[in-house]
Amino acid sequence: MKKPIIAAVNGAAAGGGFTIALASDIRIASEEARFVAPFLRVGLVPEIGSTYNLPRLIGIAKACEIIFTAKAVTAKEAKEIGLVNEVVPKDDLMSFTWKMAIEIAQMAPIPLQLSKRALYQGLDSQLAVQVQFEQMGQSICFKSEDYKEGMKAFLEKRKPVFKGK
């Protein structure tokens, strides 16, 4: 997926919901959220990339504990171990998430997409490969109308209006 994905979790994210939250780029949880990987409890293996995403988010030891025990992780613990980015009161969950989404949506689309790709590619890449990808990305961005608009807006001390061109 080229665009950033933000999961807003309120209540239990269990099984497939847990997997979807893991696959999101950013996770915001209400104080009432819980994360449960019940797969082993019902005779299944974690699904759809859970075993790829979870250790990368929280480390292998904690990932093993969560998968092997199938215990629920509270929102507070999820924040402490890096499973979620933020924990907010239940009534603020959607407004907080929308505010972040709008902030991200106001960024220049081309470098946003390239940045997302670079970040995930970098998880399994070598430094030299990443630097080369970043240089390629910069050359694309330098040629874009959005870069010109961004620099002009910076110099004029105003918000840029990006068009994805």
N, C-alpha and C. Protein backbone atom coordinates (compact mmCIF):
# COMPACT_ATOMS: atom_id res chain seq x y z
N MET A 1 0.84 -1.18 0.00
CA MET A 1 0.00 0.00 0.00
C MET A 1 0.89 1.24 0.00
N LYS A 2 0.67 2.12 -0.92
CA LYS A 2 1.51 3.31 -1.05
C LYS A 2 1.23 4.35 0.03
N LYS A 3 -0.03 4.46 0.42
CA LYS A 3 -0.42 5.50 1.38
C LYS A 3 -0.24 5.00 2.81
N PRO A 4 0.06 5.91 3.72
CA PRO A 4 0.17 5.53 5.13
C PRO A 4 -1.18 5.03 5.67
N ILE A 5 -1.11 4.02 6.52
CA ILE A 5 -2.30 3.44 7.13
C ILE A 5 -2.21 3.65 8.64
N ILE A 6 -3.26 4.25 9.21
CA ILE A 6 -3.34 4.47 10.64
C ILE A 6 -4.48 3.63 11.20
N ALA A 7 -4.18 2.79 12.18
CA ALA A 7 -5.21 2.00 12.85
C ALA A 7 -5.64 2.73 14.11
N ALA A 8 -6.95 2.89 14.28
CA ALA A 8 -7.52 3.43 15.51
C ALA A 8 -8.18 2.25 16.22
N VAL A 9 -7.61 1.85 17.36
CA VAL A 9 -8.07 0.65 18.04
C VAL A 9 -8.80 1.03 19.32
N ASN A 10 -10.06 0.58 19.39
CA ASN A 10 -10.89 0.82 20.56
C ASN A 10 -11.55 -0.51 20.91
N GLY A 11 -11.26 -1.05 22.05
CA GLY A 11 -11.77 -2.37 22.39
C GLY A 11 -10.73 -3.42 22.03
N ALA A 12 -11.20 -4.63 21.75
CA ALA A 12 -10.27 -5.74 21.50
C ALA A 12 -9.89 -5.83 20.03
N ALA A 13 -8.59 -5.89 19.78
CA ALA A 13 -8.06 -6.22 18.46
C ALA A 13 -7.54 -7.64 18.61
N ALA A 14 -8.36 -8.60 18.21
CA ALA A 14 -8.02 -10.01 18.43
C ALA A 14 -8.04 -10.75 17.10
N GLY A 15 -7.15 -11.73 16.97
CA GLY A 15 -7.10 -12.52 15.75
C GLY A 15 -6.83 -11.65 14.54
N GLY A 16 -7.79 -11.63 13.61
CA GLY A 16 -7.65 -10.83 12.39
C GLY A 16 -7.50 -9.34 12.68
N GLY A 17 -8.19 -8.85 13.69
CA GLY A 17 -8.05 -7.44 14.07
C GLY A 17 -6.65 -7.13 14.57
N PHE A 18 -6.06 -8.07 15.29
CA PHE A 18 -4.68 -7.94 15.76
C PHE A 18 -3.75 -7.87 14.55
N THR A 19 -3.97 -8.77 13.59
CA THR A 19 -3.14 -8.83 12.39
C THR A 19 -3.24 -7.54 11.58
N ILE A 20 -4.45 -7.01 11.43
CA ILE A 20 -4.64 -5.76 10.69
C ILE A 20 -3.93 -4.61 11.39
N ALA A 21 -4.04 -4.54 12.70
CA ALA A 21 -3.36 -3.48 13.45
C ALA A 21 -1.84 -3.57 13.24
N LEU A 22 -1.29 -4.79 13.28
CA LEU A 22 0.15 -4.97 13.07
C LEU A 22 0.59 -4.50 11.70
N ALA A 23 -0.27 -4.70 10.70
CA ALA A 23 0.07 -4.34 9.33
C ALA A 23 -0.05 -2.84 9.06
N SER A 24 -0.62 -2.09 9.99
CA SER A 24 -0.76 -0.65 9.83
C SER A 24 0.56 0.03 10.12
N ASP A 25 0.74 1.21 9.54
CA ASP A 25 1.98 1.95 9.74
C ASP A 25 2.04 2.61 11.12
N ILE A 26 0.90 3.07 11.58
CA ILE A 26 0.80 3.76 12.86
C ILE A 26 -0.42 3.19 13.57
N ARG A 27 -0.30 2.97 14.88
CA ARG A 27 -1.40 2.45 15.67
C ARG A 27 -1.70 3.40 16.83
N ILE A 28 -2.97 3.85 16.89
CA ILE A 28 -3.43 4.70 17.98
C ILE A 28 -4.47 3.88 18.74
N ALA A 29 -4.34 3.81 20.05
CA ALA A 29 -5.26 2.99 20.86
C ALA A 29 -5.98 3.85 21.89
N SER A 30 -7.22 3.50 22.15
CA SER A 30 -7.91 4.11 23.28
C SER A 30 -7.40 3.41 24.54
N GLU A 31 -7.64 4.04 25.67
CA GLU A 31 -7.22 3.44 26.95
C GLU A 31 -7.88 2.09 27.19
N GLU A 32 -8.98 1.84 26.50
CA GLU A 32 -9.72 0.59 26.68
C GLU A 32 -9.31 -0.51 25.70
N ALA A 33 -8.40 -0.21 24.81
CA ALA A 33 -7.99 -1.18 23.79
C ALA A 33 -7.21 -2.34 24.41
N ARG A 34 -7.36 -3.49 23.80
CA ARG A 34 -6.58 -4.68 24.16
C ARG A 34 -6.16 -5.35 22.86
N PHE A 35 -5.00 -5.98 22.90
CA PHE A 35 -4.47 -6.66 21.73
C PHE A 35 -4.27 -8.13 22.09
N VAL A 36 -4.88 -9.01 21.29
CA VAL A 36 -4.85 -10.43 21.62
C VAL A 36 -4.51 -11.24 20.36
N ALA A 37 -3.52 -12.13 20.49
CA ALA A 37 -3.16 -13.06 19.43
C ALA A 37 -3.55 -14.46 19.89
N PRO A 38 -4.81 -14.85 19.73
CA PRO A 38 -5.32 -16.09 20.31
C PRO A 38 -5.05 -17.34 19.46
N PHE A 39 -4.21 -17.23 18.46
CA PHE A 39 -4.06 -18.28 17.47
C PHE A 39 -3.74 -19.65 18.07
N LEU A 40 -2.72 -19.73 18.91
CA LEU A 40 -2.33 -21.03 19.47
C LEU A 40 -3.43 -21.61 20.36
N ARG A 41 -4.18 -20.74 21.00
CA ARG A 41 -5.26 -21.18 21.88
C ARG A 41 -6.35 -21.94 21.12
N VAL A 42 -6.49 -21.63 19.84
CA VAL A 42 -7.52 -22.31 19.05
C VAL A 42 -6.92 -23.27 18.02
N GLY A 43 -5.62 -23.55 18.15
CA GLY A 43 -4.98 -24.52 17.28
C GLY A 43 -4.53 -23.98 15.94
N LEU A 44 -4.24 -22.68 15.88
CA LEU A 44 -3.79 -22.07 14.63
C LEU A 44 -2.42 -21.42 14.78
N VAL A 45 -1.81 -21.15 13.66
CA VAL A 45 -0.56 -20.40 13.59
C VAL A 45 -0.94 -18.95 13.30
N PRO A 46 -0.20 -17.98 13.82
CA PRO A 46 -0.49 -16.58 13.47
C PRO A 46 -0.53 -16.40 11.95
N GLU A 47 -1.34 -15.43 11.50
CA GLU A 47 -1.67 -15.32 10.09
C GLU A 47 -1.21 -14.03 9.42
N ILE A 48 -1.26 -14.06 8.13
CA ILE A 48 -1.15 -12.89 7.24
C ILE A 48 -0.07 -11.89 7.67
N GLY A 49 1.11 -12.36 7.95
CA GLY A 49 2.23 -11.48 8.24
C GLY A 49 2.44 -11.15 9.71
N SER A 50 1.65 -11.71 10.60
CA SER A 50 1.82 -11.42 12.03
C SER A 50 3.22 -11.77 12.52
N THR A 51 3.74 -12.90 12.08
CA THR A 51 5.07 -13.32 12.55
C THR A 51 6.18 -12.51 11.91
N TYR A 52 5.87 -11.79 10.87
CA TYR A 52 6.83 -10.88 10.25
C TYR A 52 6.78 -9.52 10.95
N ASN A 53 5.58 -9.00 11.12
CA ASN A 53 5.40 -7.64 11.66
C ASN A 53 5.66 -7.53 13.16
N LEU A 54 5.14 -8.47 13.94
CA LEU A 54 5.23 -8.34 15.40
C LEU A 54 6.67 -8.27 15.92
N PRO A 55 7.56 -9.17 15.54
CA PRO A 55 8.94 -9.06 16.06
C PRO A 55 9.64 -7.77 15.63
N ARG A 56 9.30 -7.27 14.46
CA ARG A 56 9.91 -6.02 13.99
C ARG A 56 9.42 -4.83 14.80
N LEU A 57 8.21 -4.92 15.32
CA LEU A 57 7.67 -3.83 16.12
C LEU A 57 8.16 -3.85 17.57
N ILE A 58 8.21 -5.05 18.17
CA ILE A 58 8.45 -5.12 19.61
C ILE A 58 9.63 -5.99 20.02
N GLY A 59 10.31 -6.61 19.07
CA GLY A 59 11.43 -7.50 19.40
C GLY A 59 10.96 -8.95 19.50
N ILE A 60 11.88 -9.84 19.29
CA ILE A 60 11.55 -11.26 19.21
C ILE A 60 11.08 -11.84 20.55
N ALA A 61 11.73 -11.48 21.65
CA ALA A 61 11.37 -12.07 22.95
C ALA A 61 9.94 -11.72 23.34
N LYS A 62 9.57 -10.46 23.21
CA LYS A 62 8.22 -10.04 23.57
C LYS A 62 7.20 -10.61 22.58
N ALA A 63 7.57 -10.69 21.31
CA ALA A 63 6.68 -11.29 20.31
C ALA A 63 6.42 -12.75 20.65
N CYS A 64 7.46 -13.48 21.04
CA CYS A 64 7.29 -14.88 21.45
C CYS A 64 6.34 -14.98 22.64
N GLU A 65 6.51 -14.12 23.61
CA GLU A 65 5.64 -14.15 24.80
C GLU A 65 4.19 -13.93 24.41
N ILE A 66 3.93 -12.94 23.58
CA ILE A 66 2.54 -12.63 23.20
C ILE A 66 1.93 -13.77 22.38
N ILE A 67 2.68 -14.32 21.45
CA ILE A 67 2.14 -15.41 20.62
C ILE A 67 2.01 -16.70 21.42
N PHE A 68 3.05 -17.07 22.18
CA PHE A 68 3.04 -18.34 22.90
C PHE A 68 2.02 -18.40 24.03
N THR A 69 1.77 -17.26 24.70
CA THR A 69 0.84 -17.26 25.82
C THR A 69 -0.59 -16.89 25.42
N ALA A 70 -0.75 -16.22 24.29
CA ALA A 70 -2.05 -15.75 23.81
C ALA A 70 -2.73 -14.83 24.83
N LYS A 71 -1.94 -14.19 25.68
CA LYS A 71 -2.53 -13.28 26.68
C LYS A 71 -2.82 -11.92 26.06
N ALA A 72 -3.81 -11.26 26.61
CA ALA A 72 -4.18 -9.93 26.14
C ALA A 72 -3.16 -8.90 26.62
N VAL A 73 -2.85 -7.97 25.76
CA VAL A 73 -1.95 -6.87 26.08
C VAL A 73 -2.80 -5.61 26.21
N THR A 74 -2.71 -4.94 27.34
CA THR A 74 -3.48 -3.71 27.54
C THR A 74 -2.90 -2.59 26.70
N ALA A 75 -3.67 -1.53 26.53
CA ALA A 75 -3.21 -0.37 25.78
C ALA A 75 -1.95 0.22 26.41
N LYS A 76 -1.95 0.30 27.73
CA LYS A 76 -0.78 0.85 28.44
C LYS A 76 0.47 0.03 28.15
N GLU A 77 0.36 -1.30 28.27
CA GLU A 77 1.51 -2.15 27.99
C GLU A 77 1.90 -2.07 26.52
N ALA A 78 0.91 -2.00 25.63
CA ALA A 78 1.18 -1.90 24.20
C ALA A 78 2.02 -0.67 23.89
N LYS A 79 1.73 0.43 24.55
CA LYS A 79 2.53 1.67 24.37
C LYS A 79 3.94 1.46 24.91
N GLU A 80 4.05 0.84 26.07
CA GLU A 80 5.36 0.62 26.70
C GLU A 80 6.28 -0.25 25.85
N ILE A 81 5.72 -1.24 25.16
CA ILE A 81 6.55 -2.16 24.37
C ILE A 81 6.69 -1.74 22.91
N GLY A 82 6.06 -0.65 22.53
CA GLY A 82 6.19 -0.16 21.17
C GLY A 82 5.20 -0.73 20.18
N LEU A 83 4.17 -1.39 20.67
CA LEU A 83 3.15 -1.95 19.79
C LEU A 83 2.22 -0.86 19.26
N VAL A 84 1.98 0.17 20.06
CA VAL A 84 1.18 1.31 19.61
C VAL A 84 1.99 2.59 19.77
N ASN A 85 1.63 3.57 18.95
CA ASN A 85 2.32 4.86 18.99
C ASN A 85 1.80 5.75 20.10
N GLU A 86 0.48 5.72 20.29
CA GLU A 86 -0.16 6.60 21.27
C GLU A 86 -1.33 5.89 21.92
N VAL A 87 -1.60 6.27 23.17
CA VAL A 87 -2.80 5.83 23.87
C VAL A 87 -3.53 7.11 24.29
N VAL A 88 -4.81 7.17 23.93
CA VAL A 88 -5.60 8.36 24.22
C VAL A 88 -6.92 7.94 24.87
N PRO A 89 -7.59 8.88 25.55
CA PRO A 89 -8.91 8.55 26.10
C PRO A 89 -9.87 8.11 24.99
N LYS A 90 -10.78 7.22 25.34
CA LYS A 90 -11.73 6.65 24.37
C LYS A 90 -12.44 7.73 23.56
N ASP A 91 -12.90 8.77 24.23
CA ASP A 91 -13.65 9.82 23.55
C ASP A 91 -12.80 10.65 22.60
N ASP A 92 -11.49 10.58 22.73
CA ASP A 92 -10.58 11.36 21.88
C ASP A 92 -9.96 10.54 20.75
N LEU A 93 -10.24 9.25 20.72
CA LEU A 93 -9.56 8.36 19.77
C LEU A 93 -9.71 8.81 18.32
N MET A 94 -10.92 8.99 17.87
CA MET A 94 -11.12 9.31 16.46
C MET A 94 -10.65 10.72 16.12
N SER A 95 -10.86 11.68 16.98
CA SER A 95 -10.40 13.04 16.67
C SER A 95 -8.87 13.09 16.64
N PHE A 96 -8.23 12.38 17.56
CA PHE A 96 -6.76 12.32 17.57
C PHE A 96 -6.25 11.66 16.28
N THR A 97 -6.89 10.56 15.91
CA THR A 97 -6.47 9.82 14.71
C THR A 97 -6.70 10.65 13.46
N TRP A 98 -7.87 11.29 13.35
CA TRP A 98 -8.15 12.12 12.19
C TRP A 98 -7.18 13.31 12.10
N LYS A 99 -6.86 13.90 13.23
CA LYS A 99 -5.92 15.02 13.23
C LYS A 99 -4.57 14.58 12.66
N MET A 100 -4.09 13.41 13.09
CA MET A 100 -2.83 12.89 12.57
C MET A 100 -2.95 12.58 11.08
N ALA A 101 -4.06 11.98 10.68
CA ALA A 101 -4.26 11.63 9.27
C ALA A 101 -4.26 12.87 8.39
N ILE A 102 -4.91 13.93 8.85
CA ILE A 102 -4.95 15.18 8.09
C ILE A 102 -3.55 15.79 8.01
N GLU A 103 -2.82 15.75 9.10
CA GLU A 103 -1.45 16.27 9.11
C GLU A 103 -0.59 15.53 8.08
N ILE A 104 -0.71 14.22 8.03
CA ILE A 104 0.06 13.41 7.08
C ILE A 104 -0.42 13.68 5.65
N ALA A 105 -1.74 13.80 5.46
CA ALA A 105 -2.30 14.03 4.13
C ALA A 105 -1.86 15.37 3.54
N GLN A 106 -1.43 16.31 4.37
CA GLN A 106 -0.98 17.60 3.88
C GLN A 106 0.47 17.58 3.41
N MET A 107 1.15 16.46 3.58
CA MET A 107 2.52 16.34 3.10
C MET A 107 2.51 16.11 1.59
N ALA A 108 3.65 16.33 0.97
CA ALA A 108 3.77 16.10 -0.47
C ALA A 108 3.63 14.61 -0.75
N PRO A 109 2.69 14.21 -1.62
CA PRO A 109 2.40 12.79 -1.84
C PRO A 109 3.55 11.96 -2.38
N ILE A 110 4.31 12.49 -3.31
CA ILE A 110 5.39 11.69 -3.92
C ILE A 110 6.47 11.33 -2.89
N PRO A 111 7.03 12.29 -2.17
CA PRO A 111 8.04 11.89 -1.17
C PRO A 111 7.44 11.11 -0.01
N LEU A 112 6.16 11.30 0.29
CA LEU A 112 5.51 10.51 1.34
C LEU A 112 5.50 9.04 0.94
N GLN A 113 5.09 8.76 -0.29
CA GLN A 113 5.06 7.37 -0.76
C GLN A 113 6.46 6.78 -0.84
N LEU A 114 7.41 7.57 -1.33
CA LEU A 114 8.79 7.09 -1.41
C LEU A 114 9.38 6.85 -0.02
N SER A 115 9.03 7.70 0.92
CA SER A 115 9.53 7.55 2.29
C SER A 115 8.99 6.28 2.93
N LYS A 116 7.70 6.02 2.73
CA LYS A 116 7.11 4.79 3.28
C LYS A 116 7.81 3.57 2.70
N ARG A 117 7.99 3.58 1.39
CA ARG A 117 8.67 2.45 0.75
C ARG A 117 10.09 2.30 1.28
N ALA A 118 10.80 3.40 1.42
CA ALA A 118 12.19 3.35 1.91
C ALA A 118 12.27 2.82 3.33
N LEU A 119 11.37 3.25 4.19
CA LEU A 119 11.39 2.80 5.58
C LEU A 119 11.20 1.30 5.68
N TYR A 120 10.22 0.77 4.96
CA TYR A 120 9.96 -0.67 5.03
C TYR A 120 11.04 -1.47 4.30
N GLN A 121 11.50 -0.96 3.19
CA GLN A 121 12.58 -1.63 2.47
C GLN A 121 13.83 -1.68 3.33
N GLY A 122 14.06 -0.64 4.11
CA GLY A 122 15.24 -0.56 4.96
C GLY A 122 15.29 -1.59 6.06
N LEU A 123 14.17 -2.18 6.40
CA LEU A 123 14.15 -3.21 7.44
C LEU A 123 14.98 -4.43 7.05
N ASP A 124 15.06 -4.70 5.75
CA ASP A 124 15.76 -5.89 5.27
C ASP A 124 16.85 -5.55 4.27
N SER A 125 17.34 -4.34 4.30
CA SER A 125 18.29 -3.89 3.30
C SER A 125 19.66 -3.58 3.91
N GLN A 126 20.57 -3.29 3.05
CA GLN A 126 21.90 -2.85 3.48
C GLN A 126 21.99 -1.34 3.34
N LEU A 127 22.85 -0.72 4.11
CA LEU A 127 22.99 0.74 4.10
C LEU A 127 23.24 1.28 2.70
N ALA A 128 24.16 0.68 1.97
CA ALA A 128 24.50 1.19 0.63
C ALA A 128 23.28 1.15 -0.30
N VAL A 129 22.48 0.11 -0.19
CA VAL A 129 21.27 -0.01 -1.01
C VAL A 129 20.28 1.09 -0.63
N GLN A 130 20.14 1.33 0.66
CA GLN A 130 19.21 2.36 1.12
C GLN A 130 19.64 3.75 0.69
N VAL A 131 20.92 4.04 0.81
CA VAL A 131 21.42 5.36 0.40
C VAL A 131 21.17 5.56 -1.10
N GLN A 132 21.38 4.51 -1.87
CA GLN A 132 21.12 4.59 -3.31
C GLN A 132 19.63 4.84 -3.58
N PHE A 133 18.76 4.15 -2.85
CA PHE A 133 17.32 4.36 -3.02
C PHE A 133 16.94 5.79 -2.64
N GLU A 134 17.50 6.29 -1.54
CA GLU A 134 17.22 7.65 -1.10
C GLU A 134 17.67 8.67 -2.15
N GLN A 135 18.84 8.44 -2.74
CA GLN A 135 19.33 9.35 -3.79
C GLN A 135 18.40 9.34 -5.00
N MET A 136 17.93 8.15 -5.37
CA MET A 136 16.98 8.04 -6.47
C MET A 136 15.70 8.79 -6.12
N GLY A 137 15.22 8.62 -4.89
CA GLY A 137 14.02 9.32 -4.44
C GLY A 137 14.19 10.83 -4.47
N GLN A 138 15.34 11.29 -4.03
CA GLN A 138 15.60 12.74 -4.04
C GLN A 138 15.60 13.27 -5.47
N SER A 139 16.20 12.52 -6.40
CA SER A 139 16.25 13.01 -7.78
C SER A 139 14.83 13.11 -8.36
N ILE A 140 13.97 12.18 -8.00
CA ILE A 140 12.56 12.25 -8.43
C ILE A 140 11.90 13.48 -7.82
N CYS A 141 12.11 13.68 -6.53
CA CYS A 141 11.46 14.80 -5.83
C CYS A 141 11.97 16.15 -6.32
N PHE A 142 13.28 16.26 -6.57
CA PHE A 142 13.84 17.53 -7.05
C PHE A 142 13.19 17.98 -8.36
N LYS A 143 12.71 17.04 -9.15
CA LYS A 143 12.10 17.35 -10.45
C LYS A 143 10.60 17.63 -10.33
N SER A 144 10.04 17.47 -9.16
CA SER A 144 8.59 17.59 -9.01
C SER A 144 8.13 19.03 -8.81
N GLU A 145 6.90 19.28 -9.22
CA GLU A 145 6.27 20.58 -8.96
C GLU A 145 6.08 20.80 -7.47
N ASP A 146 5.81 19.71 -6.73
CA ASP A 146 5.61 19.83 -5.29
C ASP A 146 6.87 20.31 -4.58
N TYR A 147 8.04 19.90 -5.03
CA TYR A 147 9.28 20.38 -4.42
C TYR A 147 9.40 21.89 -4.63
N LYS A 148 9.13 22.33 -5.85
CA LYS A 148 9.20 23.78 -6.14
C LYS A 148 8.21 24.54 -5.25
N GLU A 149 7.00 24.00 -5.14
CA GLU A 149 5.97 24.63 -4.29
C GLU A 149 6.39 24.62 -2.83
N GLY A 150 6.96 23.52 -2.37
CA GLY A 150 7.40 23.41 -0.98
C GLY A 150 8.48 24.42 -0.64
N MET A 151 9.45 24.56 -1.53
CA MET A 151 10.53 25.53 -1.29
C MET A 151 10.00 26.97 -1.35
N LYS A 152 9.13 27.24 -2.32
CA LYS A 152 8.54 28.58 -2.44
C LYS A 152 7.74 28.93 -1.19
N ALA A 153 6.93 27.98 -0.73
CA ALA A 153 6.12 28.20 0.48
C ALA A 153 7.01 28.41 1.70
N PHE A 154 8.10 27.65 1.80
CA PHE A 154 9.05 27.82 2.90
C PHE A 154 9.62 29.24 2.90
N LEU A 155 10.07 29.70 1.75
CA LEU A 155 10.66 31.03 1.65
C LEU A 155 9.64 32.14 1.91
N GLU A 156 8.39 31.87 1.52
CA GLU A 156 7.32 32.85 1.72
C GLU A 156 6.64 32.70 3.08
N LYS A 157 7.12 31.74 3.88
CA LYS A 157 6.60 31.49 5.23
C LYS A 157 5.08 31.23 5.23
N ARG A 158 4.68 30.31 4.36
CA ARG A 158 3.28 29.92 4.27
C ARG A 158 3.20 28.40 4.12
N LYS A 159 1.99 27.86 4.27
CA LYS A 159 1.78 26.43 4.09
C LYS A 159 1.80 26.10 2.60
N PRO A 160 2.48 25.03 2.22
CA PRO A 160 2.48 24.65 0.82
C PRO A 160 1.15 24.01 0.40
N VAL A 161 0.86 24.09 -0.87
CA VAL A 161 -0.30 23.43 -1.44
C VAL A 161 0.23 22.41 -2.44
N PHE A 162 0.29 21.16 -2.01
CA PHE A 162 0.85 20.11 -2.86
C PHE A 162 -0.22 19.52 -3.76
N LYS A 163 0.20 19.10 -4.96
CA LYS A 163 -0.72 18.54 -5.94
C LYS A 163 -0.34 17.13 -6.37
N GLY A 164 0.73 16.61 -5.83
CA GLY A 164 1.14 15.26 -6.23
C GLY A 164 1.75 15.20 -7.61
N LYS A 165 2.35 16.30 -8.01
CA LYS A 165 2.98 16.37 -9.35
C LYS A 165 4.44 16.77 -9.21
